Amino acid sequence: MERYYYISDSLDELEVVEQELENAGIATEQIHVLSQNDREVANHRLHSVTSIMKKDIVHSTLIGAGVGICLSILVLVGAWLTGWPETYTWIPFIFLSIVLLGFCSWEGGLWGIQEPNHHFKRFQKVLDHGKHVLFVDVDKNQLSPMQAVLRTHPHLKNVGTGASAPRLIVRGQQWFHRFMKWAP
């Protein structure tokens, strides 16, 4: 899957575009609108970016976890090289490694909650000017129908592509929404 980004001034136009994309076979879970005006996005019944995904929590937590893993390995290797586990057992060193991993992951998440999502930083100036970003995650077989729909909307400005959400995540969201419609 690949993600295509478009900028628009009008939520009314994005509402029409989203409906046309859904009619062309692109699922709602593949279409997102990023805006600083969440209330208007909700009033237009557009599929908005969740507030947690507007922040860099996931990315920063993973970086923190990577640092924590490195520090944990360093503690365990240091303990092994010094021979202290023969005297004190491995329990304190394993516990310290687990605490370091947890702390670094937590600290990474705290850092990420303060930062905008690294995928969306390039759109910050556009969003500050009151514009909206539409992005669509499509498979190769959905690219042609998407382009056909978007060609009929000349006010949308194509601003590039990027990495999309993993296909497994998108399919999981689709399954969850179908289940929620089915479940009482």
Protein backbone atom coordinates (compact mmCIF):
# COMPACT_ATOMS: atom_id res chain seq x y z
CA MET A 1 0.00 0.00 0.00
CA GLU A 2 1.03 3.56 -0.59
CA ARG A 3 -0.29 6.81 0.88
CA TYR A 4 -1.22 9.76 -1.35
CA TYR A 5 -1.53 13.26 0.14
CA TYR A 6 -3.75 16.09 -1.13
CA ILE A 7 -4.44 19.59 0.20
CA SER A 8 -7.80 21.33 0.07
CA ASP A 9 -9.36 24.55 1.32
CA SER A 10 -12.86 23.12 1.48
CA LEU A 11 -14.27 20.44 3.75
CA ASP A 12 -17.38 20.42 1.56
CA GLU A 13 -15.26 19.29 -1.38
CA LEU A 14 -13.50 16.69 0.77
CA GLU A 15 -16.87 15.31 1.82
CA VAL A 16 -17.80 14.80 -1.84
CA VAL A 17 -14.37 13.32 -2.61
CA GLU A 18 -14.62 10.85 0.28
CA GLN A 19 -18.05 9.69 -0.88
CA GLU A 20 -16.84 9.26 -4.47
CA LEU A 21 -13.76 7.33 -3.31
CA GLU A 22 -15.95 5.01 -1.25
CA ASN A 23 -18.23 4.49 -4.27
CA ALA A 24 -15.11 3.64 -6.31
CA GLY A 25 -14.28 0.79 -3.90
CA ILE A 26 -11.87 2.43 -1.49
CA ALA A 27 -12.82 1.67 2.11
CA THR A 28 -13.49 4.45 4.61
CA GLU A 29 -10.60 3.17 6.76
CA GLN A 30 -8.21 4.00 3.91
CA ILE A 31 -9.32 7.65 3.70
CA HIS A 32 -8.32 10.24 6.32
CA VAL A 33 -8.63 13.99 6.73
CA LEU A 34 -6.06 15.85 8.81
CA SER A 35 -7.21 19.25 10.01
CA GLN A 36 -6.86 21.53 12.99
CA ASN A 37 -10.62 22.03 12.96
CA ASP A 38 -11.80 18.64 14.25
CA ARG A 39 -15.32 19.84 14.98
CA GLU A 40 -15.94 20.84 11.36
CA VAL A 41 -14.43 17.59 10.12
CA ALA A 42 -16.87 15.71 12.37
CA ASN A 43 -19.79 17.89 11.21
CA HIS A 44 -18.99 16.92 7.62
CA ARG A 45 -18.83 13.26 8.70
CA LEU A 46 -15.34 12.84 7.33
CA HIS A 47 -12.99 10.11 8.54
CA SER A 48 -10.57 12.18 10.60
CA VAL A 49 -7.16 11.33 11.97
CA THR A 50 -7.47 10.24 15.59
CA SER A 51 -5.97 12.56 18.17
CA ILE A 52 -3.46 9.93 19.29
CA MET A 53 -2.19 9.56 15.71
CA LYS A 54 -1.71 13.33 15.41
CA LYS A 55 1.02 12.99 18.03
CA ASP A 56 4.25 11.04 17.66
CA ILE A 57 3.55 8.69 20.58
CA VAL A 58 3.93 5.39 18.75
CA HIS A 59 7.11 6.34 16.89
CA SER A 60 8.77 7.87 19.97
CA THR A 61 7.79 4.92 22.18
CA LEU A 62 9.44 2.55 19.70
CA ILE A 63 12.59 4.67 19.71
CA GLY A 64 12.54 4.67 23.52
CA ALA A 65 12.09 0.90 23.51
CA GLY A 66 15.09 0.57 21.20
CA VAL A 67 17.20 2.63 23.60
CA GLY A 68 15.86 0.53 26.49
CA ILE A 69 16.80 -2.71 24.74
CA CYS A 70 20.33 -1.42 24.13
CA LEU A 71 20.71 -0.37 27.78
CA SER A 72 19.28 -3.69 28.98
CA ILE A 73 21.75 -5.61 26.85
CA LEU A 74 24.54 -3.38 28.16
CA VAL A 75 23.55 -4.14 31.78
CA LEU A 76 23.37 -7.90 31.15
CA VAL A 77 26.67 -8.01 29.23
CA GLY A 78 28.33 -5.82 31.88
CA ALA A 79 27.08 -8.13 34.63
CA TRP A 80 28.32 -11.18 32.75
CA LEU A 81 31.76 -9.64 32.12
CA THR A 82 32.23 -8.62 35.76
CA GLY A 83 31.12 -11.99 37.10
CA TRP A 84 28.74 -10.42 39.65
CA PRO A 85 25.89 -12.83 38.88
CA GLU A 86 28.01 -15.65 40.33
CA THR A 87 27.91 -13.82 43.66
CA TYR A 88 24.51 -12.09 43.60
CA THR A 89 22.56 -14.21 41.04
CA TRP A 90 21.09 -12.92 37.80
CA ILE A 91 17.81 -11.69 39.37
CA PRO A 92 18.87 -8.07 40.14
CA PHE A 93 20.41 -7.62 36.69
CA ILE A 94 17.40 -9.05 34.88
CA PHE A 95 15.11 -6.88 37.00
CA LEU A 96 17.22 -3.78 36.25
CA SER A 97 17.10 -4.62 32.53
CA ILE A 98 13.31 -4.89 32.61
CA VAL A 99 13.01 -1.60 34.53
CA LEU A 100 15.33 0.16 32.06
CA LEU A 101 13.32 -1.13 29.09
CA GLY A 102 10.04 0.00 30.65
CA PHE A 103 11.37 3.39 31.72
CA CYS A 104 12.92 4.18 28.34
CA SER A 105 9.74 3.14 26.50
CA TRP A 106 7.64 5.28 28.85
CA GLU A 107 9.97 8.26 28.49
CA GLY A 108 9.86 7.91 24.70
CA GLY A 109 6.06 8.00 24.84
CA LEU A 110 6.15 11.13 27.01
CA TRP A 111 8.45 12.76 24.51
CA GLY A 112 6.18 11.76 21.63
CA ILE A 113 3.03 13.18 23.20
CA GLN A 114 4.62 16.63 22.92
CA GLU A 115 5.56 16.30 19.25
CA PRO A 116 3.41 16.21 16.11
CA ASN A 117 3.47 12.93 14.19
CA HIS A 118 6.67 12.75 12.17
CA HIS A 119 4.64 11.86 9.04
CA PHE A 120 2.59 15.06 9.35
CA LYS A 121 5.27 17.62 10.32
CA ARG A 122 5.68 18.70 6.71
CA PHE A 123 2.03 19.85 6.64
CA GLN A 124 2.15 22.01 9.77
CA LYS A 125 2.37 25.35 7.91
CA VAL A 126 -0.48 24.33 5.60
CA LEU A 127 -2.64 23.33 8.57
CA ASP A 128 -1.81 26.60 10.34
CA HIS A 129 -3.25 28.47 7.33
CA GLY A 130 -6.61 26.69 7.80
CA LYS A 131 -6.23 24.16 5.01
CA HIS A 132 -6.94 20.45 5.28
CA VAL A 133 -4.92 17.41 4.23
CA LEU A 134 -6.62 14.41 2.66
CA PHE A 135 -4.62 11.22 2.53
CA VAL A 136 -5.59 7.93 1.01
CA ASP A 137 -3.91 4.55 1.52
CA VAL A 138 -4.36 2.48 -1.65
CA ASP A 139 -3.22 -0.81 -3.11
CA LYS A 140 -1.89 -0.85 -6.67
CA ASN A 141 -5.23 -2.13 -7.99
CA GLN A 142 -7.03 0.82 -6.35
CA LEU A 143 -4.71 3.48 -7.74
CA SER A 144 -6.51 3.90 -11.07
CA PRO A 145 -10.02 4.38 -9.56
CA MET A 146 -8.59 6.82 -7.01
CA GLN A 147 -6.87 8.88 -9.68
CA ALA A 148 -10.04 8.91 -11.80
CA VAL A 149 -12.03 10.34 -8.88
CA LEU A 150 -9.40 12.91 -7.93
CA ARG A 151 -8.99 14.14 -11.53
CA THR A 152 -12.55 15.47 -11.33
CA HIS A 153 -11.56 17.72 -8.41
CA PRO A 154 -9.06 20.27 -9.74
CA HIS A 155 -8.99 22.23 -6.46
CA LEU A 156 -7.24 19.36 -4.70
CA LYS A 157 -3.48 19.82 -4.78
CA ASN A 158 -1.38 16.66 -4.90
CA VAL A 159 1.50 17.07 -2.45
CA GLY A 160 3.17 13.70 -2.71
CA THR A 161 3.24 10.19 -1.39
CA GLY A 162 4.51 8.41 1.67
CA ALA A 163 4.49 5.19 3.61
CA SER A 164 1.00 3.96 4.40
CA ALA A 165 -0.37 2.14 7.38
CA PRO A 166 0.45 -1.58 7.19
CA ARG A 167 -2.16 -3.55 5.24
CA LEU A 168 -2.79 -5.71 8.31
CA ILE A 169 -3.76 -2.63 10.35
CA VAL A 170 -6.13 -1.33 7.65
CA ARG A 171 -7.78 -4.75 7.25
CA GLY A 172 -8.08 -5.03 11.04
CA GLN A 173 -9.86 -1.66 11.17
CA GLN A 174 -12.22 -2.75 8.40
CA TRP A 175 -13.00 -6.01 10.19
CA PHE A 176 -13.56 -4.17 13.48
CA HIS A 177 -15.98 -1.67 11.91
CA ARG A 178 -17.93 -4.48 10.20
CA PHE A 179 -18.08 -6.35 13.50
CA MET A 180 -19.29 -3.24 15.35
CA LYS A 181 -22.09 -2.75 12.80
CA TRP A 182 -23.08 -6.41 13.19
CA ALA A 183 -22.78 -6.62 16.99
CA PRO A 184 -25.73 -5.40 19.04
